[in-house]
Amino acid sequence: MPLNAQDLSGTFSTGDVAIALTLSFVLSALIGWVYRATHRNVSYSQSYVQTLVILGMIISLIMLVVGSNIARAFALVGALSVVRFRNAVKETRDVGFIFLVMGVGMACGTRFYTLAAVAAVSICLVVVGMRRFNWFALTVQRQVVKVQVPPDDDYTPGIVDVLVRHTDEFELVSMETIRGGALTELMYTVRLKKGCEPGTLVAALRERTAGQRVTLLTGYDQTDL
């Protein structure tokens, strides 16, 4: 029986492929640069940014393959459903950039070139504006205090007394045993009083915790714990 190979690429021209992939690359690279320029935390990953660029081009390719064929769309959904991603996204903002490059790739792949360009530039300007003018930032800076104490006595009243004297506000977040039960770790969120230095608070707490370790984290809301 003769085998007939049919080329289905006639549904789009070579120019369409070149424009879609090139534009998705340029716009995804723009989004990657905006992500890099506006990133604040310590968890920056070059691999993640490169993946954004690749993802935009792949989505554009997928949309070219699917076209308006519903059967192909369901086939791709079934094929892609077997893929499992184990890497946890450390920051919710990263998810937004993933969806942004996916949207741009979809627009390029379906040949909505103007929509892709306008949307990518507009959303990038919004991201830069939020970074530049520090939108929605809290004006009150809080810290995290970790205190380790021996489990053979109740050190909580002494710790609370120090926090009352050195902070305007504090709250116990967690209490757990560490080192196989040899120590108890207490974690507080605090807001230092005006003029109070972090070192002063740490020294005062060490006097009440039998010299055990005391850790104070400043700017924890911008740091991956």
N, C-alpha and C. Protein backbone atom coordinates (compact mmCIF):
# COMPACT_ATOMS: atom_id res chain seq x y z
N MET A 1 0.87 -1.19 0.00
CA MET A 1 0.00 0.00 0.00
C MET A 1 0.90 1.23 0.00
N PRO A 2 0.71 2.16 -0.92
CA PRO A 2 1.57 3.35 -0.97
C PRO A 2 1.25 4.28 0.20
N LEU A 3 2.30 4.89 0.72
CA LEU A 3 2.15 5.85 1.81
C LEU A 3 2.23 7.25 1.25
N ASN A 4 1.22 8.05 1.52
CA ASN A 4 1.19 9.43 1.04
C ASN A 4 1.43 10.38 2.20
N ALA A 5 2.50 11.14 2.12
CA ALA A 5 2.82 12.12 3.15
C ALA A 5 2.26 13.47 2.73
N GLN A 6 1.43 14.03 3.55
CA GLN A 6 0.79 15.31 3.22
C GLN A 6 1.36 16.41 4.11
N ASP A 7 1.81 17.46 3.49
CA ASP A 7 2.36 18.60 4.24
C ASP A 7 1.23 19.58 4.51
N LEU A 8 0.92 19.78 5.80
CA LEU A 8 -0.18 20.67 6.17
C LEU A 8 0.28 22.10 6.45
N SER A 9 1.56 22.39 6.19
CA SER A 9 2.06 23.74 6.49
C SER A 9 1.52 24.78 5.53
N GLY A 10 0.74 24.36 4.53
CA GLY A 10 0.17 25.34 3.62
C GLY A 10 -0.88 26.22 4.24
N THR A 11 -1.32 25.87 5.46
CA THR A 11 -2.32 26.70 6.13
C THR A 11 -1.74 28.03 6.58
N PHE A 12 -0.41 28.14 6.63
CA PHE A 12 0.23 29.42 6.92
C PHE A 12 1.51 29.51 6.09
N SER A 13 1.90 30.70 5.76
CA SER A 13 3.06 30.91 4.90
C SER A 13 4.34 30.94 5.72
N THR A 14 5.45 30.86 5.01
CA THR A 14 6.75 30.96 5.67
C THR A 14 6.91 32.33 6.33
N GLY A 15 6.35 33.34 5.70
CA GLY A 15 6.41 34.68 6.29
C GLY A 15 5.67 34.75 7.61
N ASP A 16 4.51 34.07 7.68
CA ASP A 16 3.75 34.04 8.93
C ASP A 16 4.58 33.41 10.05
N VAL A 17 5.25 32.30 9.73
CA VAL A 17 6.08 31.63 10.74
C VAL A 17 7.21 32.54 11.20
N ALA A 18 7.89 33.17 10.25
CA ALA A 18 9.01 34.03 10.59
C ALA A 18 8.57 35.22 11.43
N ILE A 19 7.47 35.84 11.04
CA ILE A 19 6.99 37.01 11.78
C ILE A 19 6.54 36.61 13.18
N ALA A 20 5.78 35.50 13.28
CA ALA A 20 5.25 35.09 14.58
C ALA A 20 6.38 34.75 15.55
N LEU A 21 7.35 33.97 15.10
CA LEU A 21 8.45 33.57 15.98
C LEU A 21 9.36 34.74 16.32
N THR A 22 9.63 35.58 15.33
CA THR A 22 10.51 36.73 15.58
C THR A 22 9.85 37.72 16.53
N LEU A 23 8.59 38.03 16.28
CA LEU A 23 7.90 38.99 17.15
C LEU A 23 7.73 38.43 18.56
N SER A 24 7.42 37.14 18.68
CA SER A 24 7.29 36.56 20.02
C SER A 24 8.63 36.57 20.75
N PHE A 25 9.72 36.36 20.02
CA PHE A 25 11.05 36.44 20.64
C PHE A 25 11.35 37.85 21.12
N VAL A 26 11.11 38.84 20.27
CA VAL A 26 11.41 40.23 20.63
C VAL A 26 10.58 40.67 21.84
N LEU A 27 9.28 40.38 21.81
CA LEU A 27 8.41 40.82 22.90
C LEU A 27 8.69 40.05 24.19
N SER A 28 8.99 38.75 24.07
CA SER A 28 9.32 37.97 25.26
C SER A 28 10.64 38.44 25.86
N ALA A 29 11.61 38.78 25.00
CA ALA A 29 12.88 39.31 25.49
C ALA A 29 12.66 40.66 26.19
N LEU A 30 11.77 41.49 25.64
CA LEU A 30 11.43 42.76 26.29
C LEU A 30 10.85 42.51 27.68
N ILE A 31 9.94 41.54 27.77
CA ILE A 31 9.34 41.20 29.07
C ILE A 31 10.41 40.70 30.02
N GLY A 32 11.36 39.89 29.51
CA GLY A 32 12.45 39.40 30.35
C GLY A 32 13.31 40.52 30.89
N TRP A 33 13.61 41.51 30.07
CA TRP A 33 14.40 42.66 30.54
C TRP A 33 13.64 43.47 31.57
N VAL A 34 12.35 43.62 31.36
CA VAL A 34 11.54 44.35 32.35
C VAL A 34 11.51 43.58 33.67
N TYR A 35 11.37 42.27 33.60
CA TYR A 35 11.40 41.46 34.82
C TYR A 35 12.72 41.64 35.54
N ARG A 36 13.82 41.59 34.81
CA ARG A 36 15.14 41.74 35.42
C ARG A 36 15.32 43.13 36.05
N ALA A 37 14.84 44.16 35.35
CA ALA A 37 15.02 45.52 35.84
C ALA A 37 14.16 45.83 37.05
N THR A 38 13.02 45.15 37.18
CA THR A 38 12.10 45.48 38.28
C THR A 38 12.14 44.45 39.40
N HIS A 39 13.03 43.45 39.30
CA HIS A 39 13.11 42.41 40.33
C HIS A 39 13.77 42.96 41.58
N ARG A 40 13.20 42.63 42.75
CA ARG A 40 13.71 43.16 44.02
C ARG A 40 14.28 42.09 44.93
N ASN A 41 13.69 40.92 44.93
CA ASN A 41 14.07 39.90 45.90
C ASN A 41 15.40 39.26 45.54
N VAL A 42 15.86 38.37 46.42
CA VAL A 42 17.16 37.73 46.24
C VAL A 42 17.07 36.45 45.41
N SER A 43 15.88 36.09 44.96
CA SER A 43 15.67 34.82 44.27
C SER A 43 15.75 34.95 42.75
N TYR A 44 16.47 35.95 42.24
CA TYR A 44 16.55 36.14 40.79
C TYR A 44 17.21 34.94 40.13
N SER A 45 16.63 34.47 39.04
CA SER A 45 17.15 33.31 38.34
C SER A 45 17.28 33.63 36.85
N GLN A 46 18.50 33.55 36.34
CA GLN A 46 18.71 33.76 34.92
C GLN A 46 17.99 32.69 34.10
N SER A 47 17.96 31.48 34.61
CA SER A 47 17.27 30.39 33.92
C SER A 47 15.79 30.69 33.77
N TYR A 48 15.17 31.28 34.80
CA TYR A 48 13.75 31.61 34.73
C TYR A 48 13.49 32.63 33.63
N VAL A 49 14.32 33.66 33.52
CA VAL A 49 14.12 34.70 32.51
C VAL A 49 14.31 34.12 31.11
N GLN A 50 15.31 33.27 30.95
CA GLN A 50 15.50 32.64 29.65
C GLN A 50 14.32 31.74 29.30
N THR A 51 13.76 31.08 30.31
CA THR A 51 12.59 30.25 30.08
C THR A 51 11.40 31.08 29.63
N LEU A 52 11.27 32.31 30.14
CA LEU A 52 10.19 33.19 29.69
C LEU A 52 10.27 33.43 28.19
N VAL A 53 11.49 33.70 27.72
CA VAL A 53 11.67 33.97 26.29
C VAL A 53 11.34 32.72 25.47
N ILE A 54 11.84 31.57 25.92
CA ILE A 54 11.58 30.32 25.20
C ILE A 54 10.09 29.99 25.22
N LEU A 55 9.45 30.21 26.38
CA LEU A 55 8.03 29.89 26.51
C LEU A 55 7.18 30.71 25.55
N GLY A 56 7.50 32.00 25.41
CA GLY A 56 6.75 32.84 24.48
C GLY A 56 6.81 32.32 23.06
N MET A 57 8.00 31.87 22.63
CA MET A 57 8.16 31.35 21.27
C MET A 57 7.46 30.00 21.12
N ILE A 58 7.53 29.17 22.16
CA ILE A 58 6.88 27.86 22.08
C ILE A 58 5.36 28.00 21.97
N ILE A 59 4.80 28.91 22.78
CA ILE A 59 3.35 29.13 22.72
C ILE A 59 2.95 29.63 21.34
N SER A 60 3.78 30.49 20.76
CA SER A 60 3.50 30.98 19.41
C SER A 60 3.51 29.83 18.41
N LEU A 61 4.49 28.94 18.55
CA LEU A 61 4.55 27.77 17.68
C LEU A 61 3.32 26.87 17.84
N ILE A 62 2.92 26.65 19.09
CA ILE A 62 1.76 25.80 19.35
C ILE A 62 0.50 26.39 18.71
N MET A 63 0.34 27.71 18.82
CA MET A 63 -0.84 28.33 18.24
C MET A 63 -0.83 28.24 16.72
N LEU A 64 0.37 28.28 16.11
CA LEU A 64 0.45 28.09 14.66
C LEU A 64 0.04 26.67 14.29
N VAL A 65 0.47 25.69 15.10
CA VAL A 65 0.12 24.30 14.82
C VAL A 65 -1.38 24.07 14.98
N VAL A 66 -1.94 24.61 16.05
CA VAL A 66 -3.36 24.38 16.32
C VAL A 66 -4.23 25.08 15.29
N GLY A 67 -3.92 26.36 15.02
CA GLY A 67 -4.74 27.12 14.10
C GLY A 67 -6.18 27.18 14.56
N SER A 68 -7.12 26.84 13.68
CA SER A 68 -8.54 26.81 14.04
C SER A 68 -9.07 25.38 14.10
N ASN A 69 -8.15 24.41 14.19
CA ASN A 69 -8.53 23.01 14.20
C ASN A 69 -8.78 22.56 15.64
N ILE A 70 -10.03 22.28 15.97
CA ILE A 70 -10.40 21.89 17.33
C ILE A 70 -9.79 20.53 17.70
N ALA A 71 -9.74 19.61 16.73
CA ALA A 71 -9.19 18.28 17.00
C ALA A 71 -7.72 18.39 17.41
N ARG A 72 -6.96 19.25 16.71
CA ARG A 72 -5.55 19.44 17.06
C ARG A 72 -5.42 20.07 18.44
N ALA A 73 -6.31 20.98 18.77
CA ALA A 73 -6.26 21.64 20.07
C ALA A 73 -6.44 20.62 21.20
N PHE A 74 -7.44 19.75 21.07
CA PHE A 74 -7.66 18.73 22.10
C PHE A 74 -6.50 17.74 22.15
N ALA A 75 -5.93 17.42 21.00
CA ALA A 75 -4.79 16.50 20.98
C ALA A 75 -3.60 17.09 21.72
N LEU A 76 -3.36 18.40 21.53
CA LEU A 76 -2.25 19.05 22.22
C LEU A 76 -2.51 19.13 23.72
N VAL A 77 -3.75 19.39 24.11
CA VAL A 77 -4.08 19.43 25.54
C VAL A 77 -3.80 18.08 26.17
N GLY A 78 -4.19 17.01 25.49
CA GLY A 78 -3.93 15.68 26.02
C GLY A 78 -2.44 15.37 26.11
N ALA A 79 -1.69 15.79 25.09
CA ALA A 79 -0.25 15.53 25.09
C ALA A 79 0.47 16.32 26.19
N LEU A 80 0.07 17.57 26.37
CA LEU A 80 0.73 18.42 27.36
C LEU A 80 0.30 18.10 28.78
N SER A 81 -0.82 17.41 28.93
CA SER A 81 -1.31 17.11 30.28
C SER A 81 -0.41 16.11 31.02
N VAL A 82 0.43 15.39 30.27
CA VAL A 82 1.32 14.42 30.92
C VAL A 82 2.55 15.09 31.52
N VAL A 83 2.76 16.36 31.20
CA VAL A 83 3.92 17.08 31.71
C VAL A 83 3.64 17.53 33.14
N ARG A 84 4.59 17.29 34.03
CA ARG A 84 4.45 17.69 35.43
C ARG A 84 5.61 18.61 35.80
N PHE A 85 5.28 19.77 36.36
CA PHE A 85 6.29 20.72 36.78
C PHE A 85 6.43 20.67 38.29
N ARG A 86 7.64 20.39 38.76
CA ARG A 86 7.89 20.23 40.19
C ARG A 86 8.49 21.47 40.83
N ASN A 87 8.94 22.43 40.04
CA ASN A 87 9.56 23.62 40.61
C ASN A 87 8.50 24.57 41.15
N ALA A 88 8.61 24.91 42.41
CA ALA A 88 7.65 25.84 43.02
C ALA A 88 8.02 27.27 42.63
N VAL A 89 7.02 28.06 42.27
CA VAL A 89 7.24 29.47 41.96
C VAL A 89 7.40 30.23 43.27
N LYS A 90 8.54 30.86 43.46
CA LYS A 90 8.85 31.47 44.75
C LYS A 90 8.10 32.77 44.98
N GLU A 91 7.67 33.40 43.92
CA GLU A 91 7.05 34.72 44.06
C GLU A 91 5.82 34.78 43.17
N THR A 92 4.71 35.29 43.70
CA THR A 92 3.48 35.37 42.92
C THR A 92 3.65 36.25 41.68
N ARG A 93 4.54 37.23 41.76
CA ARG A 93 4.79 38.10 40.62
C ARG A 93 5.34 37.32 39.43
N ASP A 94 6.09 36.27 39.70
CA ASP A 94 6.64 35.45 38.62
C ASP A 94 5.54 34.79 37.80
N VAL A 95 4.45 34.41 38.48
CA VAL A 95 3.32 33.79 37.77
C VAL A 95 2.72 34.77 36.77
N GLY A 96 2.64 36.03 37.16
CA GLY A 96 2.11 37.05 36.25
C GLY A 96 2.93 37.18 34.99
N PHE A 97 4.26 37.11 35.11
CA PHE A 97 5.12 37.19 33.92
C PHE A 97 4.96 35.96 33.05
N ILE A 98 4.74 34.79 33.66
CA ILE A 98 4.52 33.58 32.87
C ILE A 98 3.26 33.73 32.03
N PHE A 99 2.18 34.21 32.64
CA PHE A 99 0.94 34.39 31.90
C PHE A 99 1.09 35.49 30.84
N LEU A 100 1.92 36.50 31.13
CA LEU A 100 2.12 37.57 30.15
C LEU A 100 2.79 37.04 28.89
N VAL A 101 3.87 36.28 29.03
CA VAL A 101 4.53 35.76 27.84
C VAL A 101 3.64 34.73 27.13
N MET A 102 2.83 34.00 27.88
CA MET A 102 1.90 33.07 27.24
C MET A 102 0.88 33.83 26.41
N GLY A 103 0.33 34.91 26.95
CA GLY A 103 -0.63 35.72 26.20
C GLY A 103 -0.01 36.33 24.96
N VAL A 104 1.22 36.84 25.08
CA VAL A 104 1.90 37.42 23.93
C VAL A 104 2.18 36.35 22.88
N GLY A 105 2.62 35.16 23.33
CA GLY A 105 2.87 34.08 22.39
C GLY A 105 1.61 33.64 21.67
N MET A 106 0.48 33.57 22.39
CA MET A 106 -0.78 33.21 21.77
C MET A 106 -1.20 34.24 20.72
N ALA A 107 -1.02 35.52 21.06
CA ALA A 107 -1.39 36.57 20.11
C ALA A 107 -0.53 36.52 18.85
N CYS A 108 0.77 36.26 19.03
CA CYS A 108 1.66 36.16 17.87
C CYS A 108 1.31 34.93 17.03
N GLY A 109 1.06 33.81 17.70
CA GLY A 109 0.76 32.58 16.98
C GLY A 109 -0.54 32.63 16.21
N THR A 110 -1.49 33.42 16.69
CA THR A 110 -2.77 33.56 15.98
C THR A 110 -2.77 34.78 15.06
N ARG A 111 -1.58 35.37 14.90
CA ARG A 111 -1.33 36.47 13.95
C ARG A 111 -2.06 37.77 14.31
N PHE A 112 -2.26 37.97 15.61
CA PHE A 112 -2.73 39.28 16.10
C PHE A 112 -1.48 40.08 16.51
N TYR A 113 -0.71 40.49 15.51
CA TYR A 113 0.60 41.08 15.77
C TYR A 113 0.50 42.42 16.49
N THR A 114 -0.43 43.26 16.04
CA THR A 114 -0.58 44.57 16.67
C THR A 114 -1.03 44.42 18.13
N LEU A 115 -1.97 43.52 18.36
CA LEU A 115 -2.43 43.27 19.73
C LEU A 115 -1.28 42.81 20.61
N ALA A 116 -0.46 41.89 20.09
CA ALA A 116 0.67 41.38 20.88
C ALA A 116 1.63 42.50 21.25
N ALA A 117 1.98 43.34 20.28
CA ALA A 117 2.94 44.42 20.53
C ALA A 117 2.38 45.46 21.50
N VAL A 118 1.15 45.88 21.25
CA VAL A 118 0.56 46.92 22.10
C VAL A 118 0.37 46.41 23.53
N ALA A 119 -0.12 45.18 23.67
CA ALA A 119 -0.36 44.63 25.00
C ALA A 119 0.94 44.44 25.75
N ALA A 120 1.97 43.91 25.09
CA ALA A 120 3.26 43.68 25.77
C ALA A 120 3.87 44.99 26.24
N VAL A 121 3.89 45.99 25.37
CA VAL A 121 4.48 47.28 25.74
C VAL A 121 3.68 47.96 26.84
N SER A 122 2.36 47.93 26.73
CA SER A 122 1.52 48.58 27.73
C SER A 122 1.68 47.95 29.11
N ILE A 123 1.65 46.62 29.18
CA ILE A 123 1.76 45.94 30.47
C ILE A 123 3.16 46.12 31.05
N CYS A 124 4.17 46.11 30.20
CA CYS A 124 5.54 46.36 30.68
C CYS A 124 5.66 47.77 31.26
N LEU A 125 5.02 48.74 30.63
CA LEU A 125 5.04 50.10 31.17
C LEU A 125 4.35 50.17 32.52
N VAL A 126 3.26 49.41 32.68
CA VAL A 126 2.58 49.36 33.98
C VAL A 126 3.49 48.77 35.05
N VAL A 127 4.20 47.69 34.69
CA VAL A 127 5.11 47.05 35.65
C VAL A 127 6.23 48.01 36.05
N VAL A 128 6.81 48.69 35.05
CA VAL A 128 7.88 49.65 35.34
C VAL A 128 7.35 50.80 36.20
N GLY A 129 6.14 51.27 35.90
CA GLY A 129 5.54 52.35 36.69
C GLY A 129 5.31 51.95 38.13
N MET A 130 4.81 50.74 38.36
CA MET A 130 4.61 50.27 39.73
C MET A 130 5.93 50.15 40.48
N ARG A 131 6.97 49.70 39.76
CA ARG A 131 8.30 49.61 40.39
C ARG A 131 8.87 50.98 40.67
N ARG A 132 8.71 51.90 39.71
CA ARG A 132 9.31 53.24 39.85
C ARG A 132 8.65 54.03 40.97
N PHE A 133 7.33 53.97 41.08
CA PHE A 133 6.61 54.77 42.07
C PHE A 133 6.22 53.97 43.31
N ASN A 134 6.69 52.72 43.38
CA ASN A 134 6.53 51.90 44.58
C ASN A 134 5.07 51.80 45.01
N TRP A 135 4.21 51.45 44.06
CA TRP A 135 2.78 51.36 44.35
C TRP A 135 2.48 50.30 45.39
N PHE A 136 1.49 50.58 46.22
CA PHE A 136 0.91 49.65 47.19
C PHE A 136 1.91 49.19 48.26
N ALA A 137 2.99 49.92 48.44
CA ALA A 137 3.96 49.53 49.47
C ALA A 137 3.46 49.95 50.85
N LEU A 138 3.77 49.13 51.84
CA LEU A 138 3.44 49.49 53.22
C LEU A 138 4.43 50.52 53.73
N THR A 139 3.92 51.53 54.41
CA THR A 139 4.81 52.57 54.94
C THR A 139 5.46 52.15 56.24
N VAL A 140 4.91 51.13 56.89
CA VAL A 140 5.45 50.65 58.16
C VAL A 140 6.29 49.40 57.90
N GLN A 141 7.56 49.48 58.29
CA GLN A 141 8.45 48.34 58.10
C GLN A 141 8.42 47.44 59.32
N ARG A 142 8.27 46.16 59.09
CA ARG A 142 8.24 45.20 60.17
C ARG A 142 9.45 44.28 60.07
N GLN A 143 9.77 43.66 61.18
CA GLN A 143 10.89 42.74 61.25
C GLN A 143 10.42 41.40 61.81
N VAL A 144 11.23 40.39 61.58
CA VAL A 144 10.99 39.07 62.14
C VAL A 144 12.09 38.78 63.16
N VAL A 145 11.70 38.37 64.35
CA VAL A 145 12.65 38.02 65.41
C VAL A 145 12.51 36.54 65.71
N LYS A 146 13.63 35.82 65.62
CA LYS A 146 13.67 34.40 65.98
C LYS A 146 14.49 34.25 67.26
N VAL A 147 13.88 33.65 68.26
CA VAL A 147 14.53 33.49 69.56
C VAL A 147 14.56 32.01 69.91
N GLN A 148 15.75 31.51 70.26
CA GLN A 148 15.91 30.13 70.68
C GLN A 148 16.14 30.08 72.19
N VAL A 149 15.37 29.25 72.88
CA VAL A 149 15.48 29.16 74.33
C VAL A 149 15.50 27.69 74.74
N PRO A 150 16.12 27.37 75.90
CA PRO A 150 16.06 26.00 76.41
C PRO A 150 14.64 25.65 76.81
N PRO A 151 14.25 24.38 76.69
CA PRO A 151 12.86 23.99 76.97
C PRO A 151 12.59 23.74 78.45
N ASP A 152 13.61 23.88 79.29
CA ASP A 152 13.43 23.49 80.69
C ASP A 152 12.81 24.58 81.55
N ASP A 153 12.53 25.73 80.99
CA ASP A 153 11.96 26.83 81.77
C ASP A 153 11.10 27.69 80.85
N ASP A 154 10.28 28.55 81.47
CA ASP A 154 9.40 29.43 80.70
C ASP A 154 10.08 30.79 80.54
N TYR A 155 10.61 31.04 79.34
CA TYR A 155 11.30 32.29 79.07
C TYR A 155 10.39 33.32 78.42
N THR A 156 9.15 32.95 78.19
CA THR A 156 8.24 33.84 77.46
C THR A 156 8.01 35.17 78.16
N PRO A 157 7.78 35.22 79.48
CA PRO A 157 7.57 36.53 80.13
C PRO A 157 8.74 37.48 79.96
N GLY A 158 9.97 36.97 80.07
CA GLY A 158 11.13 37.83 79.87
C GLY A 158 11.23 38.35 78.46
N ILE A 159 10.92 37.50 77.47
CA ILE A 159 10.96 37.92 76.07
C ILE A 159 9.90 38.98 75.80
N VAL A 160 8.71 38.74 76.31
CA VAL A 160 7.62 39.70 76.12
C VAL A 160 7.97 41.04 76.75
N ASP A 161 8.60 41.02 77.91
CA ASP A 161 8.98 42.26 78.59
C ASP A 161 9.95 43.07 77.72
N VAL A 162 10.92 42.39 77.11
CA VAL A 162 11.87 43.08 76.24
C VAL A 162 11.17 43.65 75.01
N LEU A 163 10.28 42.88 74.44
CA LEU A 163 9.56 43.35 73.24
C LEU A 163 8.67 44.54 73.56
N VAL A 164 8.05 44.54 74.72
CA VAL A 164 7.21 45.68 75.12
C VAL A 164 8.04 46.95 75.21
N ARG A 165 9.27 46.84 75.72
CA ARG A 165 10.12 48.02 75.91
C ARG A 165 10.76 48.51 74.61
N HIS A 166 10.95 47.64 73.64
CA HIS A 166 11.70 48.03 72.45
C HIS A 166 10.86 48.10 71.18
N THR A 167 9.61 47.66 71.22
CA THR A 167 8.80 47.67 70.01
C THR A 167 7.46 48.35 70.26
N ASP A 168 6.88 48.85 69.17
CA ASP A 168 5.54 49.43 69.23
C ASP A 168 4.46 48.36 69.07
N GLU A 169 4.84 47.25 68.44
CA GLU A 169 3.87 46.21 68.14
C GLU A 169 4.61 44.91 67.91
N PHE A 170 4.08 43.81 68.42
CA PHE A 170 4.68 42.50 68.18
C PHE A 170 3.60 41.43 68.22
N GLU A 171 3.91 40.31 67.57
CA GLU A 171 2.95 39.21 67.52
C GLU A 171 3.71 37.90 67.39
N LEU A 172 3.32 36.91 68.18
CA LEU A 172 3.91 35.59 68.09
C LEU A 172 3.37 34.88 66.86
N VAL A 173 4.28 34.46 65.98
CA VAL A 173 3.89 33.81 64.73
C VAL A 173 3.95 32.29 64.85
N SER A 174 5.02 31.78 65.45
CA SER A 174 5.14 30.33 65.55
C SER A 174 6.01 29.96 66.74
N MET A 175 5.83 28.72 67.19
CA MET A 175 6.65 28.15 68.26
C MET A 175 6.88 26.68 67.92
N GLU A 176 8.15 26.27 67.87
CA GLU A 176 8.45 24.90 67.52
C GLU A 176 9.73 24.44 68.20
N THR A 177 9.87 23.14 68.37
CA THR A 177 11.08 22.57 68.93
C THR A 177 12.06 22.27 67.81
N ILE A 178 13.34 22.49 68.08
CA ILE A 178 14.39 22.25 67.10
C ILE A 178 15.50 21.45 67.75
N ARG A 179 16.39 20.93 66.92
CA ARG A 179 17.53 20.14 67.38
C ARG A 179 17.09 18.96 68.26
N GLY A 180 16.06 18.28 67.76
CA GLY A 180 15.58 17.11 68.47
C GLY A 180 14.99 17.40 69.83
N GLY A 181 14.43 18.58 70.01
CA GLY A 181 13.82 18.94 71.28
C GLY A 181 14.76 19.59 72.26
N ALA A 182 16.02 19.83 71.86
CA ALA A 182 16.99 20.46 72.77
C ALA A 182 16.71 21.94 72.95
N LEU A 183 16.05 22.57 71.98
CA LEU A 183 15.74 24.00 72.05
C LEU A 183 14.33 24.24 71.53
N THR A 184 13.76 25.35 71.96
CA THR A 184 12.46 25.82 71.46
C THR A 184 12.69 27.13 70.73
N GLU A 185 12.16 27.24 69.50
CA GLU A 185 12.33 28.46 68.72
C GLU A 185 11.01 29.22 68.65
N LEU A 186 11.05 30.47 69.07
CA LEU A 186 9.90 31.35 69.00
C LEU A 186 10.12 32.37 67.89
N MET A 187 9.09 32.61 67.07
CA MET A 187 9.20 33.57 65.98
C MET A 187 8.15 34.66 66.17
N TYR A 188 8.61 35.91 66.18
CA TYR A 188 7.72 37.06 66.35
C TYR A 188 7.87 37.99 65.15
N THR A 189 6.77 38.65 64.78
CA THR A 189 6.86 39.81 63.91
C THR A 189 6.77 41.05 64.79
N VAL A 190 7.66 42.01 64.57
CA VAL A 190 7.74 43.18 65.44
C VAL A 190 7.86 44.44 64.61
N ARG A 191 7.54 45.55 65.25
CA ARG A 191 7.79 46.88 64.68
C ARG A 191 8.56 47.67 65.71
N LEU A 192 9.83 47.94 65.41
CA LEU A 192 10.71 48.60 66.37
C LEU A 192 10.24 50.03 66.65
N LYS A 193 10.46 50.46 67.87
CA LYS A 193 10.17 51.84 68.22
C LYS A 193 11.14 52.78 67.51
N LYS A 194 10.71 54.00 67.30
CA LYS A 194 11.55 54.98 66.63
C LYS A 194 12.81 55.23 67.45
N GLY A 195 13.95 55.11 66.81
CA GLY A 195 15.22 55.32 67.48
C GLY A 195 15.83 54.07 68.07
N CYS A 196 15.09 52.98 68.09
CA CYS A 196 15.61 51.73 68.64
C CYS A 196 16.39 50.99 67.55
N GLU A 197 17.62 50.63 67.86
CA GLU A 197 18.46 49.93 66.91
C GLU A 197 18.22 48.41 67.01
N PRO A 198 18.30 47.71 65.89
CA PRO A 198 18.13 46.26 65.93
C PRO A 198 19.11 45.56 66.87
N GLY A 199 20.36 46.05 66.90
CA GLY A 199 21.36 45.45 67.77
C GLY A 199 20.99 45.55 69.25
N THR A 200 20.35 46.65 69.62
CA THR A 200 19.92 46.83 71.00
C THR A 200 18.88 45.79 71.39
N LEU A 201 17.93 45.55 70.50
CA LEU A 201 16.90 44.55 70.77
C LEU A 201 17.52 43.15 70.87
N VAL A 202 18.44 42.82 69.98
CA VAL A 202 19.07 41.51 69.99
C VAL A 202 19.84 41.29 71.29
N ALA A 203 20.59 42.32 71.71
CA ALA A 203 21.37 42.19 72.95
C ALA A 203 20.46 42.02 74.16
N ALA A 204 19.36 42.77 74.20
CA ALA A 204 18.43 42.66 75.33
C ALA A 204 17.77 41.27 75.38
N LEU A 205 17.46 40.71 74.21
CA LEU A 205 16.84 39.39 74.18
C LEU A 205 17.83 38.30 74.61
N ARG A 206 19.09 38.46 74.23
CA ARG A 206 20.08 37.45 74.61
C ARG A 206 20.26 37.39 76.12
N GLU A 207 20.05 38.51 76.80
CA GLU A 207 20.16 38.51 78.25
C GLU A 207 19.03 37.72 78.90
N ARG A 208 17.90 37.58 78.19
CA ARG A 208 16.74 36.89 78.74
C ARG A 208 16.60 35.45 78.23
N THR A 209 17.51 35.02 77.36
CA THR A 209 17.36 33.68 76.74
C THR A 209 18.56 32.78 77.05
N ALA A 210 19.24 33.03 78.16
CA ALA A 210 20.38 32.21 78.58
C ALA A 210 21.47 32.18 77.52
N GLY A 211 21.62 33.29 76.80
CA GLY A 211 22.69 33.40 75.81
C GLY A 211 22.47 32.62 74.53
N GLN A 212 21.26 32.14 74.31
CA GLN A 212 20.98 31.38 73.10
C GLN A 212 20.86 32.31 71.88
N ARG A 213 20.79 31.71 70.74
CA ARG A 213 20.81 32.47 69.48
C ARG A 213 19.55 33.31 69.32
N VAL A 214 19.75 34.57 68.89
CA VAL A 214 18.65 35.48 68.57
C VAL A 214 18.91 36.04 67.17
N THR A 215 17.92 35.96 66.30
CA THR A 215 18.06 36.44 64.92
C THR A 215 16.99 37.46 64.63
N LEU A 216 17.39 38.58 64.02
CA LEU A 216 16.44 39.61 63.61
C LEU A 216 16.57 39.82 62.11
N LEU A 217 15.47 39.67 61.39
CA LEU A 217 15.44 39.83 59.94
C LEU A 217 14.71 41.12 59.61
N THR A 218 15.40 42.03 58.93
CA THR A 218 14.80 43.29 58.52
C THR A 218 14.45 43.21 57.04
N GLY A 219 13.27 43.73 56.69
CA GLY A 219 12.83 43.70 55.30
C GLY A 219 12.47 42.31 54.85
N TYR A 220 11.88 41.51 55.77
CA TYR A 220 11.55 40.13 55.43
C TYR A 220 10.51 40.03 54.34
N ASP A 221 9.71 41.09 54.16
CA ASP A 221 8.67 41.05 53.12
C ASP A 221 9.25 41.15 51.72
N GLN A 222 10.55 41.48 51.61
CA GLN A 222 11.21 41.53 50.31
C GLN A 222 12.31 40.48 50.20
N THR A 223 12.32 39.53 51.13
CA THR A 223 13.34 38.50 51.15
C THR A 223 12.67 37.14 51.23
N ASP A 224 13.21 36.18 50.51
CA ASP A 224 12.67 34.83 50.53
C ASP A 224 13.17 34.11 51.75
N LEU A 225 12.25 33.72 52.65
CA LEU A 225 12.63 33.05 53.87
C LEU A 225 12.59 31.54 53.67
